[in-house]
Amino acid sequence: MPVIESRLQAAGDTFQANRASMLALLGQVREHEARAVAASGASAERFAKRGQLLPRERIALLLDTGAPFLPLASLAGLGQDNPDLSKSVPGGGLISGIGYVAGVRCMVNASDSGIDAGALQPMGLDKQLRVQEIALENRLPYVQLVESAGANLMHYRVQDFVRGGNIFRNLARLSAAGLPVVTVTHGSSTAGGAYQTGLSDYIVMVRDRTRAFLAGPPLLKAATGEIATEEELGGAVMHTHISGLGDYLAEDDRDAIRIARTILGGIDWARDEAPRRFAPPRYDAEELLGIMPSDGRRPVDMREVIARIADGSEFLEFSEHYGSATVCGHIRLEGHAVGIITNNGPIDSDGATKATHFIQACCQSRTPIVYLQNITGYMVGRAHEEAGIIKHGAKMIQAVSNATVPQVTLLCGASYGAGNYGMCGRGFAPRFCFSWPNARTAVMGGEQAAKTMAIVMEAGMARKGAVDQAKIDAMQQQVIERFDRQMSVFTTSALLLDDGVIDPRDTRAVLAEVLSVCRDADARAPQPMQFGVARP
């Protein structure tokens, strides 16, 4: 394939300014993530007194040493527990990601019980549902480390109670789809949360620590008058010896993790295929930090991004001179064929038609597609309407919506208007969707929205006979501030409008990992059943 000849001036002032801006944003991401780690780690003394490991220590023992682990939705709920982002603790009360356990690639979901005893935090429900959805779609075994106080009753919302049933439905669906659900119940698993344990195929319980019951001692006494201790009512010994809820009795957290790894190691699950030979990109991944301008209105040649993620920096561009602002073509990524769609400007009719053709051709050849979003939207204006931009854009959206190959989306910069849709935004269910720290998502730019509203407001005032410019200016400033705040990745990722914010330098590794997940999923044929595995 042809090699991209980079024109990036890495020594220039513009590159250095872009790099500094990206590093500052990345530093904010890491600062928020570190706050969650610190908040959980503050419970270390209490856990040690109980003979327990902290949640992240459990995960470290569970995962294969040296194998990749892809964290998911680490900023979930940011700003929703406290509007002061410097004091907010993100993560939703869960630690989630894709990693390897005894050589088996799994979805891992652990209660962050160092924070509020593992009670779900804002967006925790949505995060759990999302990781279950990823596991189902990508045919990943599901390993959960449970120790949760359940829902925070001080922040009870009936809609969360009703939607929470989806967690248990998904566990049943995972099992029925032939995807093993392995659970270590490290501590409390009570009320409706008891079914998080009960709807598992393999259950490991920890002596003197596991608690699983539909009603704890206080509620039991209030409801029936019966008096029982927690151990009598739902301890590990009772459940492994009498009720049959537990399958394995562990002596402590370390022993429980050992058993979970042994379970996964004993399952005849297809391991990764042998790696292919490939050449690394010719350009340094460090340079990805300085490509995207801090001023999103400045143009970018997205081929510079492609040159730093493609094997050998090789790119076979598709229909290069037709609809040229929409860039499509083929690369290889760690030896595997991938289709790329990105933007060097708004999508016009020719660009939409080209992208539609390219998506359909990728489906024909079973080639997965990666969308690199930096899009201000579809072209507008009389000439473009006459050229059929709506119908051509609709063709592209039809192709994106019904594509039969895995689609992965990375928001590298702007994601505005219908461009978000045509470039396979979250609403179009890409297998995975990640953001760079500078990503911005909105129906339009804040200044554009403010000017639109100003025109409407001024016309309304004129009809009434008096135009108050000061009032119009104040309104415009409010609109700009509202848009700027909501389009930030610190808002969109907090709301789970992506699967996580990644360091641009990690782009190739992240894409390689999730595309490998997709390939394995499409090649795997688990043994589906009519129902999930039932307890004895």
Protein backbone atom coordinates (compact mmCIF):
# COMPACT_ATOMS: atom_id res chain seq x y z
CA MET A 1 0.00 0.00 0.00
CA PRO A 2 1.10 3.62 -0.47
CA VAL A 3 2.89 5.21 2.50
CA ILE A 4 1.54 8.45 3.94
CA GLU A 5 4.15 11.21 3.69
CA SER A 6 3.68 13.26 6.85
CA ARG A 7 3.82 17.04 6.61
CA LEU A 8 3.60 17.55 10.35
CA GLN A 9 6.07 20.13 11.67
CA ALA A 10 6.74 18.65 15.10
CA ALA A 11 9.27 21.36 15.98
CA GLY A 12 6.91 24.23 15.18
CA ASP A 13 5.15 26.51 17.65
CA THR A 14 1.69 25.35 16.58
CA PHE A 15 2.51 21.69 17.23
CA GLN A 16 4.01 22.53 20.63
CA ALA A 17 0.95 24.56 21.62
CA ASN A 18 -1.36 21.74 20.55
CA ARG A 19 0.75 19.25 22.48
CA ALA A 20 0.71 21.35 25.64
CA SER A 21 -3.07 21.72 25.43
CA MET A 22 -3.59 17.98 24.93
CA LEU A 23 -1.26 17.09 27.81
CA ALA A 24 -3.11 19.50 30.10
CA LEU A 25 -6.44 17.86 29.28
CA LEU A 26 -4.94 14.39 29.68
CA GLY A 27 -3.59 15.48 33.06
CA GLN A 28 -7.12 16.40 34.14
CA VAL A 29 -8.39 12.97 33.09
CA ARG A 30 -5.67 11.22 35.12
CA GLU A 31 -6.32 13.51 38.10
CA HIS A 32 -10.01 12.53 38.18
CA GLU A 33 -9.17 8.83 37.83
CA ALA A 34 -6.56 9.07 40.59
CA ARG A 35 -9.13 10.61 42.92
CA ALA A 36 -11.29 7.48 42.64
CA VAL A 37 -8.27 5.25 43.33
CA ALA A 38 -7.35 7.35 46.38
CA ALA A 39 -10.92 7.38 47.72
CA SER A 40 -11.05 3.58 47.54
CA GLY A 41 -7.52 3.17 48.91
CA ALA A 42 -8.41 5.26 51.95
CA SER A 43 -10.26 2.16 53.23
CA ALA A 44 -7.06 0.07 53.29
CA GLU A 45 -6.74 -0.05 57.07
CA ARG A 46 -10.35 -1.14 57.52
CA PHE A 47 -10.00 -3.85 54.86
CA ALA A 48 -6.76 -5.09 56.40
CA LYS A 49 -8.38 -5.43 59.83
CA ARG A 50 -11.04 -7.64 58.24
CA GLY A 51 -8.40 -9.69 56.44
CA GLN A 52 -9.63 -8.44 53.05
CA LEU A 53 -7.96 -7.13 49.93
CA LEU A 54 -8.91 -3.80 48.40
CA PRO A 55 -10.91 -4.04 45.13
CA ARG A 56 -7.97 -3.11 42.90
CA GLU A 57 -5.76 -5.63 44.70
CA ARG A 58 -8.35 -8.30 43.92
CA ILE A 59 -8.36 -7.34 40.25
CA ALA A 60 -4.56 -7.37 40.11
CA LEU A 61 -4.53 -10.95 41.43
CA LEU A 62 -7.33 -12.00 39.09
CA LEU A 63 -5.72 -10.77 35.87
CA ASP A 64 -2.85 -12.50 34.08
CA THR A 65 0.47 -10.82 34.82
CA GLY A 66 1.72 -8.76 31.89
CA ALA A 67 -1.45 -9.21 29.82
CA PRO A 68 -3.30 -6.12 28.57
CA PHE A 69 -6.23 -4.69 30.54
CA LEU A 70 -8.53 -2.12 28.94
CA PRO A 71 -10.39 -0.05 31.58
CA LEU A 72 -13.89 1.09 30.63
CA ALA A 73 -15.89 4.18 31.64
CA SER A 74 -13.46 5.37 34.31
CA LEU A 75 -15.05 8.86 34.31
CA ALA A 76 -18.64 7.60 34.70
CA GLY A 77 -20.64 9.89 36.97
CA LEU A 78 -18.00 12.63 37.11
CA GLY A 79 -19.59 15.79 38.52
CA GLN A 80 -22.88 14.14 39.39
CA ASP A 81 -22.01 13.39 43.01
CA ASN A 82 -20.46 16.84 43.42
CA PRO A 83 -20.65 19.65 40.83
CA ASP A 84 -17.13 20.68 41.83
CA LEU A 85 -15.13 18.39 39.54
CA SER A 86 -12.07 18.71 41.76
CA LYS A 87 -14.01 16.94 44.53
CA SER A 88 -16.05 14.51 42.45
CA VAL A 89 -15.23 10.78 42.64
CA PRO A 90 -15.93 9.17 39.24
CA GLY A 91 -16.32 5.53 38.25
CA GLY A 92 -19.89 4.82 39.31
CA GLY A 93 -18.75 2.63 42.20
CA LEU A 94 -17.44 0.01 39.77
CA ILE A 95 -14.07 -0.99 38.30
CA SER A 96 -14.67 -2.45 34.85
CA GLY A 97 -12.62 -3.53 31.88
CA ILE A 98 -11.55 -6.23 29.44
CA GLY A 99 -8.62 -8.40 30.52
CA TYR A 100 -7.21 -11.91 30.57
CA VAL A 101 -7.91 -14.45 33.32
CA ALA A 102 -6.02 -17.73 33.02
CA GLY A 103 -5.53 -17.01 29.32
CA VAL A 104 -9.22 -16.30 28.69
CA ARG A 105 -10.20 -12.80 27.60
CA CYS A 106 -13.09 -11.74 29.85
CA MET A 107 -15.20 -8.80 30.86
CA VAL A 108 -14.29 -8.02 34.49
CA ASN A 109 -16.66 -5.99 36.66
CA ALA A 110 -15.83 -5.36 40.31
CA SER A 111 -17.62 -3.49 43.08
CA ASP A 112 -15.42 -0.64 44.32
CA SER A 113 -16.28 -1.53 47.90
CA GLY A 114 -13.66 0.84 49.29
CA ILE A 115 -16.13 3.65 48.48
CA ASP A 116 -19.44 3.72 50.40
CA ALA A 117 -19.25 -0.05 50.96
CA GLY A 118 -19.65 -0.64 47.23
CA ALA A 119 -23.00 1.12 46.88
CA LEU A 120 -23.71 2.15 43.31
CA GLN A 121 -22.68 5.74 42.62
CA PRO A 122 -24.21 8.09 39.99
CA MET A 123 -24.20 6.40 36.57
CA GLY A 124 -23.14 3.11 38.20
CA LEU A 125 -26.27 1.36 36.93
CA ASP A 126 -25.71 2.62 33.39
CA LYS A 127 -22.05 1.59 33.53
CA GLN A 128 -22.92 -1.92 34.66
CA LEU A 129 -25.51 -2.29 31.92
CA ARG A 130 -23.02 -1.04 29.32
CA VAL A 131 -20.27 -3.51 30.26
CA GLN A 132 -22.83 -6.34 30.22
CA GLU A 133 -23.93 -5.21 26.75
CA ILE A 134 -20.30 -5.25 25.55
CA ALA A 135 -19.83 -8.75 26.99
CA LEU A 136 -22.97 -10.03 25.25
CA GLU A 137 -22.22 -8.46 21.87
CA ASN A 138 -18.59 -9.53 21.89
CA ARG A 139 -19.13 -13.00 23.42
CA LEU A 140 -16.93 -12.47 26.44
CA PRO A 141 -17.12 -14.54 29.64
CA TYR A 142 -18.24 -12.32 32.52
CA VAL A 143 -16.32 -12.26 35.79
CA GLN A 144 -17.75 -10.20 38.64
CA LEU A 145 -16.23 -9.48 42.04
CA VAL A 146 -19.19 -8.59 44.23
CA GLU A 147 -19.21 -6.70 47.49
CA SER A 148 -21.94 -4.12 47.37
CA ALA A 149 -24.23 -2.27 49.71
CA GLY A 150 -26.61 -2.04 46.74
CA ALA A 151 -28.43 1.15 45.85
CA ASN A 152 -27.96 4.28 47.94
CA LEU A 153 -31.42 4.63 49.50
CA MET A 154 -30.77 8.30 50.32
CA HIS A 155 -30.72 8.90 46.57
CA TYR A 156 -33.47 6.41 45.68
CA ARG A 157 -35.13 6.90 42.30
CA VAL A 158 -37.92 4.59 41.21
CA GLN A 159 -36.67 4.58 37.61
CA ASP A 160 -33.33 3.18 38.75
CA PHE A 161 -35.09 0.42 40.68
CA VAL A 162 -37.10 -0.59 37.62
CA ARG A 163 -34.18 -0.30 35.17
CA GLY A 164 -31.97 -2.18 37.63
CA GLY A 165 -33.81 -5.34 36.68
CA ASN A 166 -31.88 -5.22 33.41
CA ILE A 167 -28.71 -6.18 35.33
CA PHE A 168 -30.25 -9.51 36.31
CA ARG A 169 -31.87 -10.06 32.93
CA ASN A 170 -28.49 -9.56 31.28
CA LEU A 171 -26.82 -12.10 33.59
CA ALA A 172 -29.45 -14.64 32.55
CA ARG A 173 -28.90 -13.76 28.90
CA LEU A 174 -25.13 -14.10 29.20
CA SER A 175 -25.50 -17.59 30.63
CA ALA A 176 -28.08 -18.61 28.02
CA ALA A 177 -25.80 -17.30 25.26
CA GLY A 178 -23.14 -19.77 26.36
CA LEU A 179 -20.97 -17.15 28.06
CA PRO A 180 -19.84 -18.31 31.52
CA VAL A 181 -20.68 -15.99 34.42
CA VAL A 182 -18.15 -16.43 37.24
CA THR A 183 -18.79 -14.60 40.51
CA VAL A 184 -16.69 -14.12 43.61
CA THR A 185 -18.90 -12.77 46.38
CA HIS A 186 -16.34 -11.09 48.64
CA GLY A 187 -18.87 -9.51 51.00
CA SER A 188 -22.45 -8.27 50.99
CA SER A 189 -24.86 -9.26 48.22
CA THR A 190 -28.26 -8.45 49.65
CA ALA A 191 -31.88 -7.81 48.70
CA GLY A 192 -32.28 -7.59 44.90
CA GLY A 193 -28.48 -7.62 44.67
CA ALA A 194 -28.52 -11.21 45.92
CA TYR A 195 -29.60 -12.18 42.43
CA GLN A 196 -26.35 -10.73 41.11
CA THR A 197 -24.81 -13.72 42.88
CA GLY A 198 -27.68 -16.13 42.27
CA LEU A 199 -27.75 -15.60 38.51
CA SER A 200 -24.19 -16.86 38.09
CA ASP A 201 -22.90 -20.13 36.66
CA TYR A 202 -20.02 -20.46 39.12
CA ILE A 203 -20.09 -18.89 42.59
CA VAL A 204 -17.15 -18.55 44.96
CA MET A 205 -17.89 -17.48 48.54
CA VAL A 206 -15.49 -16.36 51.27
CA ARG A 207 -15.72 -17.86 54.76
CA ASP A 208 -16.92 -15.35 57.39
CA ARG A 209 -17.17 -12.54 54.82
CA THR A 210 -19.80 -13.44 52.21
CA ARG A 211 -23.36 -12.35 52.97
CA ALA A 212 -26.17 -13.17 50.56
CA PHE A 213 -29.82 -12.85 51.59
CA LEU A 214 -33.02 -11.28 50.32
CA ALA A 215 -33.64 -9.61 53.69
CA GLY A 216 -30.95 -8.87 56.28
CA PRO A 217 -31.51 -9.40 60.02
CA PRO A 218 -33.09 -5.95 60.69
CA LEU A 219 -35.58 -6.23 57.81
CA LEU A 220 -36.28 -9.87 58.66
CA LYS A 221 -37.13 -8.99 62.26
CA ALA A 222 -39.28 -6.04 61.18
CA ALA A 223 -41.15 -8.09 58.58
CA THR A 224 -41.61 -11.46 60.34
CA GLY A 225 -40.31 -11.16 63.89
CA GLU A 226 -37.71 -13.84 63.22
CA ILE A 227 -34.26 -13.29 64.72
CA ALA A 228 -31.15 -14.60 62.98
CA THR A 229 -27.51 -13.59 62.66
CA GLU A 230 -26.04 -12.59 59.31
CA GLU A 231 -23.97 -15.78 59.22
CA GLU A 232 -26.98 -18.00 59.97
CA LEU A 233 -29.11 -16.17 57.43
CA GLY A 234 -26.72 -15.90 54.50
CA GLY A 235 -23.13 -16.78 55.32
CA ALA A 236 -20.73 -18.63 53.06
CA VAL A 237 -20.82 -21.87 55.07
CA MET A 238 -24.61 -21.98 55.06
CA HIS A 239 -24.83 -21.35 51.33
CA THR A 240 -22.11 -23.84 50.34
CA HIS A 241 -23.36 -26.58 52.72
CA ILE A 242 -27.13 -26.12 52.99
CA SER A 243 -28.79 -23.83 50.43
CA GLY A 244 -26.57 -24.79 47.47
CA LEU A 245 -26.23 -21.17 46.36
CA GLY A 246 -22.44 -21.27 46.65
CA ASP A 247 -20.27 -23.73 44.71
CA TYR A 248 -16.84 -23.08 46.23
CA LEU A 249 -15.89 -22.10 49.79
CA ALA A 250 -12.74 -19.96 49.96
CA GLU A 251 -10.80 -19.15 53.09
CA ASP A 252 -10.06 -15.54 52.17
CA ASP A 253 -9.98 -13.14 49.22
CA ARG A 254 -6.73 -14.54 47.82
CA ASP A 255 -8.07 -18.08 47.93
CA ALA A 256 -11.30 -16.94 46.26
CA ILE A 257 -9.40 -15.29 43.39
CA ARG A 258 -7.28 -18.43 43.00
CA ILE A 259 -10.44 -20.52 42.66
CA ALA A 260 -11.94 -18.10 40.11
CA ARG A 261 -8.78 -18.31 37.99
CA THR A 262 -8.85 -22.10 38.22
CA ILE A 263 -12.46 -22.13 37.02
CA LEU A 264 -11.62 -20.03 33.95
CA GLY A 265 -8.50 -22.06 33.30
CA GLY A 266 -10.52 -25.28 33.34
CA ILE A 267 -13.01 -24.12 30.72
CA ASP A 268 -12.26 -25.23 27.15
CA TRP A 269 -12.43 -21.71 25.76
CA ALA A 270 -10.68 -20.83 22.52
CA ARG A 271 -7.60 -18.68 23.14
CA ASP A 272 -6.31 -15.89 20.88
CA GLU A 273 -5.06 -16.80 17.44
CA ALA A 274 -1.32 -16.67 16.75
CA PRO A 275 -0.13 -13.09 16.19
CA ARG A 276 0.52 -11.93 12.65
CA ARG A 277 3.71 -10.26 11.50
CA PHE A 278 3.45 -6.53 10.87
CA ALA A 279 5.53 -3.37 10.62
CA PRO A 280 5.00 -0.57 13.17
CA PRO A 281 4.02 2.92 11.98
CA ARG A 282 6.87 4.97 10.53
CA TYR A 283 6.00 7.96 12.70
CA ASP A 284 6.17 8.32 16.47
CA ALA A 285 2.92 7.94 18.43
CA GLU A 286 4.11 10.81 20.64
CA GLU A 287 3.30 13.09 17.73
CA LEU A 288 -0.42 12.31 18.11
CA LEU A 289 -0.36 14.74 21.04
CA GLY A 290 0.28 17.72 18.77
CA ILE A 291 -1.92 17.07 15.73
CA MET A 292 -5.30 18.28 16.97
CA PRO A 293 -5.47 22.07 17.39
CA SER A 294 -6.59 23.55 20.70
CA ASP A 295 -8.83 25.81 18.58
CA GLY A 296 -11.27 23.33 17.08
CA ARG A 297 -12.08 25.70 14.21
CA ARG A 298 -8.70 25.15 12.62
CA PRO A 299 -8.50 22.48 9.87
CA VAL A 300 -6.62 19.21 10.35
CA ASP A 301 -5.45 16.62 7.83
CA MET A 302 -6.64 13.43 9.53
CA ARG A 303 -4.22 11.43 7.40
CA GLU A 304 -1.62 12.54 9.94
CA VAL A 305 -3.51 10.52 12.56
CA ILE A 306 -3.82 7.52 10.24
CA ALA A 307 -0.06 7.65 9.56
CA ARG A 308 0.62 7.08 13.27
CA ILE A 309 -1.73 4.13 13.82
CA ALA A 310 -1.45 2.12 10.57
CA ASP A 311 1.06 -0.68 10.02
CA GLY A 312 4.01 0.84 8.17
CA SER A 313 1.99 4.11 7.92
CA GLU A 314 0.50 2.60 4.76
CA PHE A 315 -2.93 3.80 3.59
CA LEU A 316 -4.75 2.84 0.41
CA GLU A 317 -7.14 5.74 -0.01
CA PHE A 318 -10.50 4.99 -1.62
CA SER A 319 -11.79 7.37 -4.34
CA GLU A 320 -9.38 10.05 -3.16
CA HIS A 321 -10.45 12.84 -5.53
CA TYR A 322 -14.24 12.41 -5.22
CA GLY A 323 -15.89 13.92 -2.15
CA SER A 324 -12.36 14.60 -0.97
CA ALA A 325 -13.27 16.11 2.41
CA THR A 326 -14.52 12.66 3.43
CA VAL A 327 -11.49 10.39 3.69
CA CYS A 328 -11.97 6.63 3.28
CA GLY A 329 -9.48 3.85 2.78
CA HIS A 330 -7.82 0.64 3.89
CA ILE A 331 -5.04 0.08 6.41
CA ARG A 332 -3.67 -2.86 8.29
CA LEU A 333 -3.51 -2.73 12.06
CA GLU A 334 -1.25 -5.36 13.64
CA GLY A 335 -1.60 -7.35 10.44
CA HIS A 336 -5.39 -7.24 10.17
CA ALA A 337 -7.37 -5.44 7.47
CA VAL A 338 -9.34 -2.38 8.65
CA GLY A 339 -11.45 0.21 6.85
CA ILE A 340 -10.99 3.84 7.93
CA ILE A 341 -13.51 6.67 7.54
CA THR A 342 -12.64 10.18 8.70
CA ASN A 343 -13.16 13.83 7.79
CA ASN A 344 -11.09 16.75 6.53
CA GLY A 345 -14.13 18.98 6.43
CA PRO A 346 -17.94 18.82 6.42
CA ILE A 347 -19.62 15.92 4.61
CA ASP A 348 -21.07 16.95 1.25
CA SER A 349 -23.23 14.90 -1.12
CA ASP A 350 -20.26 13.34 -2.88
CA GLY A 351 -18.60 12.52 0.46
CA ALA A 352 -21.77 10.90 1.79
CA THR A 353 -22.16 8.84 -1.39
CA LYS A 354 -18.52 7.75 -1.23
CA ALA A 355 -18.78 6.77 2.43
CA THR A 356 -21.94 4.76 1.69
CA HIS A 357 -20.16 2.89 -1.11
CA PHE A 358 -17.13 2.25 1.10
CA ILE A 359 -19.19 0.93 4.03
CA GLN A 360 -21.04 -1.47 1.76
CA ALA A 361 -17.77 -2.65 0.20
CA CYS A 362 -16.33 -3.30 3.69
CA CYS A 363 -19.42 -5.34 4.54
CA GLN A 364 -18.95 -7.34 1.34
CA SER A 365 -15.34 -8.16 2.27
CA ARG A 366 -16.11 -8.55 6.01
CA THR A 367 -13.67 -5.77 6.90
CA PRO A 368 -14.27 -3.95 10.23
CA ILE A 369 -14.57 -0.17 10.10
CA VAL A 370 -12.96 2.46 12.34
CA TYR A 371 -14.44 5.96 12.33
CA LEU A 372 -12.04 8.76 13.33
CA GLN A 373 -14.41 11.60 14.13
CA ASN A 374 -13.45 15.23 13.61
CA ILE A 375 -16.60 16.45 11.97
CA THR A 376 -18.49 19.75 11.99
CA GLY A 377 -21.51 18.19 10.29
CA TYR A 378 -23.08 17.88 6.84
CA MET A 379 -22.88 20.75 4.35
CA VAL A 380 -25.77 23.23 4.38
CA GLY A 381 -26.96 25.87 1.95
CA ARG A 382 -29.18 26.17 -1.11
CA ALA A 383 -26.73 24.53 -3.52
CA HIS A 384 -26.23 21.57 -1.22
CA GLU A 385 -29.96 21.14 -0.63
CA GLU A 386 -30.51 21.15 -4.39
CA ALA A 387 -27.73 18.56 -4.73
CA GLY A 388 -29.67 16.25 -2.40
CA ILE A 389 -27.59 16.43 0.77
CA ILE A 390 -30.49 15.08 2.86
CA LYS A 391 -31.07 12.00 0.72
CA HIS A 392 -27.34 11.32 0.32
CA GLY A 393 -26.78 11.79 4.05
CA ALA A 394 -29.70 9.45 4.69
CA LYS A 395 -28.03 6.81 2.48
CA MET A 396 -24.89 7.08 4.59
CA ILE A 397 -26.84 6.79 7.83
CA GLN A 398 -28.68 3.75 6.41
CA ALA A 399 -25.31 2.13 5.67
CA VAL A 400 -23.91 2.91 9.13
CA SER A 401 -27.08 1.67 10.84
CA ASN A 402 -27.21 -1.63 9.00
CA ALA A 403 -23.54 -2.47 8.52
CA THR A 404 -22.83 -6.16 9.08
CA VAL A 405 -19.23 -5.73 10.25
CA PRO A 406 -17.86 -4.46 13.58
CA GLN A 407 -17.73 -0.66 13.77
CA VAL A 408 -15.49 1.18 16.25
CA THR A 409 -15.64 4.94 16.78
CA LEU A 410 -12.94 7.26 18.11
CA LEU A 411 -13.77 10.91 18.75
CA CYS A 412 -10.53 12.75 17.95
CA GLY A 413 -11.95 16.27 17.92
CA ALA A 414 -15.28 17.81 16.94
CA SER A 415 -18.44 15.72 16.74
CA TYR A 416 -21.19 18.13 15.74
CA GLY A 417 -24.73 17.83 14.46
CA ALA A 418 -25.77 15.03 12.15
CA GLY A 419 -22.07 14.41 11.55
CA ASN A 420 -22.06 12.60 14.89
CA TYR A 421 -24.73 10.29 13.50
CA GLY A 422 -23.26 9.71 10.04
CA MET A 423 -19.87 8.95 11.60
CA CYS A 424 -21.34 6.23 13.84
CA GLY A 425 -21.74 8.13 17.12
CA ARG A 426 -22.93 6.46 20.32
CA GLY A 427 -26.56 6.52 19.15
CA PHE A 428 -25.65 4.14 16.30
CA ALA A 429 -24.29 1.45 18.60
CA PRO A 430 -20.67 1.02 17.54
CA ARG A 431 -19.10 -2.00 19.22
CA PHE A 432 -16.79 0.42 21.09
CA CYS A 433 -16.62 4.19 21.29
CA PHE A 434 -13.67 6.07 22.81
CA SER A 435 -12.66 9.73 23.03
CA TRP A 436 -9.47 11.73 23.10
CA PRO A 437 -9.34 14.29 25.95
CA ASN A 438 -10.03 17.20 23.56
CA ALA A 439 -13.19 15.68 22.03
CA ARG A 440 -16.27 17.91 21.81
CA THR A 441 -19.79 16.65 21.14
CA ALA A 442 -22.80 18.88 20.50
CA VAL A 443 -25.66 19.54 18.13
CA MET A 444 -23.59 22.53 16.96
CA GLY A 445 -20.84 24.83 18.23
CA GLY A 446 -21.71 27.16 21.11
CA GLU A 447 -21.12 30.36 19.10
CA GLN A 448 -23.19 29.04 16.21
CA ALA A 449 -26.03 28.16 18.58
CA ALA A 450 -25.81 31.59 20.24
CA LYS A 451 -25.92 33.43 16.89
CA THR A 452 -28.88 31.32 15.77
CA MET A 453 -30.80 32.19 18.93
CA ALA A 454 -29.78 35.85 18.67
CA ILE A 455 -31.23 36.10 15.16
CA VAL A 456 -34.50 34.54 16.34
CA MET A 457 -34.61 36.73 19.47
CA GLU A 458 -33.82 39.95 17.57
CA ALA A 459 -36.54 39.23 15.01
CA GLY A 460 -39.06 38.66 17.82
CA MET A 461 -38.09 41.92 19.51
CA ALA A 462 -38.28 43.82 16.22
CA ARG A 463 -41.82 42.63 15.68
CA LYS A 464 -42.71 44.10 19.08
CA GLY A 465 -41.02 47.41 18.21
CA ALA A 466 -37.88 47.47 20.41
CA VAL A 467 -34.58 45.57 20.20
CA ASP A 468 -32.70 45.21 23.51
CA GLN A 469 -29.12 44.42 22.42
CA ALA A 470 -27.85 44.03 25.99
CA LYS A 471 -30.45 41.32 26.60
CA ILE A 472 -29.47 39.58 23.36
CA ASP A 473 -25.77 39.70 24.31
CA ALA A 474 -26.48 38.23 27.75
CA MET A 475 -28.51 35.43 26.21
CA GLN A 476 -25.73 34.63 23.75
CA GLN A 477 -23.19 34.35 26.55
CA GLN A 478 -25.46 32.00 28.50
CA VAL A 479 -25.92 29.77 25.44
CA ILE A 480 -22.17 29.65 24.75
CA GLU A 481 -21.38 28.73 28.35
CA ARG A 482 -24.07 26.02 28.40
CA PHE A 483 -22.86 24.47 25.14
CA ASP A 484 -19.18 24.66 26.07
CA ARG A 485 -19.83 22.93 29.38
CA GLN A 486 -21.92 20.12 27.91
CA MET A 487 -19.76 19.42 24.86
CA SER A 488 -16.67 18.78 27.01
CA VAL A 489 -15.43 15.20 27.24
CA PHE A 490 -15.61 15.56 31.02
CA THR A 491 -19.40 15.80 30.63
CA THR A 492 -19.96 13.36 27.78
CA SER A 493 -17.78 10.61 29.23
CA ALA A 494 -19.33 11.12 32.67
CA LEU A 495 -22.70 10.42 31.04
CA LEU A 496 -21.34 7.25 29.37
CA LEU A 497 -21.61 8.74 25.89
CA ASP A 498 -18.35 6.92 25.23
CA ASP A 499 -16.59 3.88 26.72
CA GLY A 500 -13.71 5.91 28.08
CA VAL A 501 -11.18 8.67 27.44
CA ILE A 502 -7.86 7.41 26.13
CA ASP A 503 -4.39 8.87 25.78
CA PRO A 504 -3.89 9.61 22.04
CA ARG A 505 -0.54 7.80 22.26
CA ASP A 506 -2.43 4.61 23.18
CA THR A 507 -4.75 4.79 20.17
CA ARG A 508 -3.10 2.02 18.14
CA ALA A 509 -2.96 -0.35 21.14
CA VAL A 510 -6.58 0.32 22.13
CA LEU A 511 -7.86 -0.12 18.57
CA ALA A 512 -5.84 -3.31 18.15
CA GLU A 513 -7.28 -4.73 21.36
CA VAL A 514 -10.95 -3.96 20.67
CA LEU A 515 -10.70 -5.06 17.04
CA SER A 516 -9.21 -8.33 18.30
CA VAL A 517 -12.16 -8.65 20.67
CA CYS A 518 -14.55 -8.12 17.74
CA ARG A 519 -12.75 -10.66 15.52
CA ASP A 520 -12.78 -13.30 18.24
CA ALA A 521 -16.45 -12.66 18.93
CA ASP A 522 -17.44 -13.06 15.28
CA ALA A 523 -15.36 -16.24 14.93
CA ARG A 524 -16.53 -17.84 18.18
CA ALA A 525 -19.53 -20.14 18.38
CA PRO A 526 -20.51 -20.54 22.06
CA GLN A 527 -23.06 -23.21 23.00
CA PRO A 528 -26.32 -21.26 23.42
CA MET A 529 -29.13 -22.70 25.50
CA GLN A 530 -32.81 -21.95 25.88
CA PHE A 531 -32.21 -20.81 29.46
CA GLY A 532 -29.25 -19.84 31.59
CA VAL A 533 -27.65 -22.38 33.93
CA ALA A 534 -29.91 -22.81 36.97
CA ARG A 535 -28.71 -23.31 40.54
CA PRO A 536 -29.25 -26.82 42.05
